[in-house]
């Protein structure tokens, strides 16, 4: 999929309150998404 030049920043919304023990997976996937988008040049 080609990168869109009209999008400069992206808002990632967290999962919210979750069950103890699941937070790690959601936190990890959120931080990995942030890193990947930052590497692509998005804010």
N, C-alpha and C. Protein backbone atom coordinates (compact mmCIF):
# COMPACT_ATOMS: atom_id res chain seq x y z
N UNK A 1 0.85 -1.16 0.00
CA UNK A 1 0.00 0.00 0.00
C UNK A 1 0.91 1.24 0.00
N UNK A 2 0.70 2.17 -0.90
CA UNK A 2 1.55 3.38 -0.93
C UNK A 2 1.28 4.30 0.26
N UNK A 3 2.34 4.99 0.67
CA UNK A 3 2.22 5.93 1.79
C UNK A 3 1.47 7.17 1.35
N UNK A 4 0.49 7.58 2.14
CA UNK A 4 -0.29 8.79 1.82
C UNK A 4 0.48 10.02 2.27
N UNK A 5 0.62 10.98 1.38
CA UNK A 5 1.38 12.19 1.69
C UNK A 5 0.54 13.24 2.41
N UNK A 6 -0.79 13.07 2.45
CA UNK A 6 -1.65 14.06 3.10
C UNK A 6 -1.80 13.82 4.61
N UNK A 7 -1.33 12.68 5.11
CA UNK A 7 -1.42 12.38 6.54
C UNK A 7 -0.07 12.64 7.18
N UNK A 8 -0.05 13.54 8.17
CA UNK A 8 1.19 13.90 8.86
C UNK A 8 1.29 13.30 10.25
N UNK A 9 0.14 13.15 10.93
CA UNK A 9 0.17 12.60 12.29
C UNK A 9 -0.98 11.62 12.46
N UNK A 10 -0.77 10.69 13.40
CA UNK A 10 -1.74 9.63 13.65
C UNK A 10 -1.97 9.53 15.16
N UNK A 11 -3.22 9.39 15.57
CA UNK A 11 -3.57 9.21 16.97
C UNK A 11 -3.86 7.73 17.21
N UNK A 12 -3.13 7.15 18.15
CA UNK A 12 -3.36 5.76 18.53
C UNK A 12 -4.12 5.77 19.85
N UNK A 13 -5.30 5.18 19.86
CA UNK A 13 -6.13 5.13 21.06
C UNK A 13 -5.88 3.80 21.76
N UNK A 14 -5.59 3.86 23.05
CA UNK A 14 -5.32 2.65 23.83
C UNK A 14 -6.56 1.82 24.06
N UNK A 15 -6.35 0.63 24.59
CA UNK A 15 -7.44 -0.31 24.82
C UNK A 15 -8.30 0.05 26.02
N UNK A 16 -7.79 0.89 26.92
CA UNK A 16 -8.54 1.25 28.11
C UNK A 16 -8.34 0.22 29.21
N UNK A 17 -9.21 0.25 30.23
CA UNK A 17 -9.06 -0.69 31.35
C UNK A 17 -9.23 -2.14 30.89
N UNK A 18 -8.31 -2.99 31.30
CA UNK A 18 -8.38 -4.39 30.90
C UNK A 18 -8.06 -5.28 32.09
N UNK A 19 -8.17 -6.57 31.91
CA UNK A 19 -7.93 -7.55 32.96
C UNK A 19 -6.43 -7.64 33.26
N UNK A 20 -6.09 -7.80 34.53
CA UNK A 20 -4.68 -7.96 34.90
C UNK A 20 -4.11 -9.19 34.19
N UNK A 21 -2.93 -9.01 33.62
CA UNK A 21 -2.30 -10.11 32.89
C UNK A 21 -2.38 -9.91 31.39
N UNK A 22 -3.32 -9.10 30.92
CA UNK A 22 -3.43 -8.83 29.50
C UNK A 22 -2.79 -7.51 29.13
N UNK A 23 -2.49 -6.68 30.10
CA UNK A 23 -1.99 -5.34 29.82
C UNK A 23 -0.68 -5.37 29.05
N UNK A 24 0.15 -6.34 29.33
CA UNK A 24 1.46 -6.41 28.70
C UNK A 24 1.33 -6.52 27.18
N UNK A 25 0.45 -7.38 26.69
CA UNK A 25 0.30 -7.56 25.24
C UNK A 25 -0.21 -6.29 24.56
N UNK A 26 -1.19 -5.63 25.19
CA UNK A 26 -1.74 -4.42 24.60
C UNK A 26 -0.73 -3.28 24.64
N UNK A 27 0.00 -3.15 25.75
CA UNK A 27 1.02 -2.12 25.84
C UNK A 27 2.13 -2.35 24.83
N UNK A 28 2.54 -3.60 24.69
CA UNK A 28 3.62 -3.94 23.76
C UNK A 28 3.20 -3.66 22.32
N UNK A 29 2.00 -4.06 21.95
CA UNK A 29 1.55 -3.83 20.57
C UNK A 29 1.39 -2.35 20.28
N UNK A 30 0.94 -1.59 21.28
CA UNK A 30 0.81 -0.14 21.10
C UNK A 30 2.15 0.54 20.91
N UNK A 31 3.14 0.15 21.72
CA UNK A 31 4.46 0.76 21.58
C UNK A 31 5.12 0.35 20.28
N UNK A 32 4.91 -0.89 19.84
CA UNK A 32 5.48 -1.32 18.57
C UNK A 32 4.84 -0.57 17.40
N UNK A 33 3.54 -0.31 17.48
CA UNK A 33 2.86 0.47 16.45
C UNK A 33 3.41 1.89 16.40
N UNK A 34 3.63 2.49 17.58
CA UNK A 34 4.19 3.85 17.64
C UNK A 34 5.58 3.89 17.03
N UNK A 35 6.41 2.91 17.35
CA UNK A 35 7.77 2.86 16.80
C UNK A 35 7.74 2.72 15.28
N UNK A 36 6.89 1.84 14.78
CA UNK A 36 6.80 1.61 13.34
C UNK A 36 6.33 2.86 12.61
N UNK A 37 5.32 3.54 13.16
CA UNK A 37 4.81 4.76 12.52
C UNK A 37 5.84 5.88 12.57
N UNK A 38 6.57 5.99 13.68
CA UNK A 38 7.61 7.01 13.80
C UNK A 38 8.72 6.77 12.78
N UNK A 39 9.09 5.50 12.58
CA UNK A 39 10.10 5.16 11.58
C UNK A 39 9.64 5.51 10.16
N UNK A 40 8.34 5.51 9.94
CA UNK A 40 7.79 5.88 8.64
C UNK A 40 7.66 7.39 8.46
N UNK A 41 7.93 8.15 9.54
CA UNK A 41 7.91 9.60 9.44
C UNK A 41 6.66 10.28 9.95
N UNK A 42 5.76 9.51 10.57
CA UNK A 42 4.54 10.10 11.11
C UNK A 42 4.78 10.62 12.52
N UNK A 43 3.95 11.60 12.95
CA UNK A 43 4.00 12.09 14.33
C UNK A 43 2.95 11.36 15.13
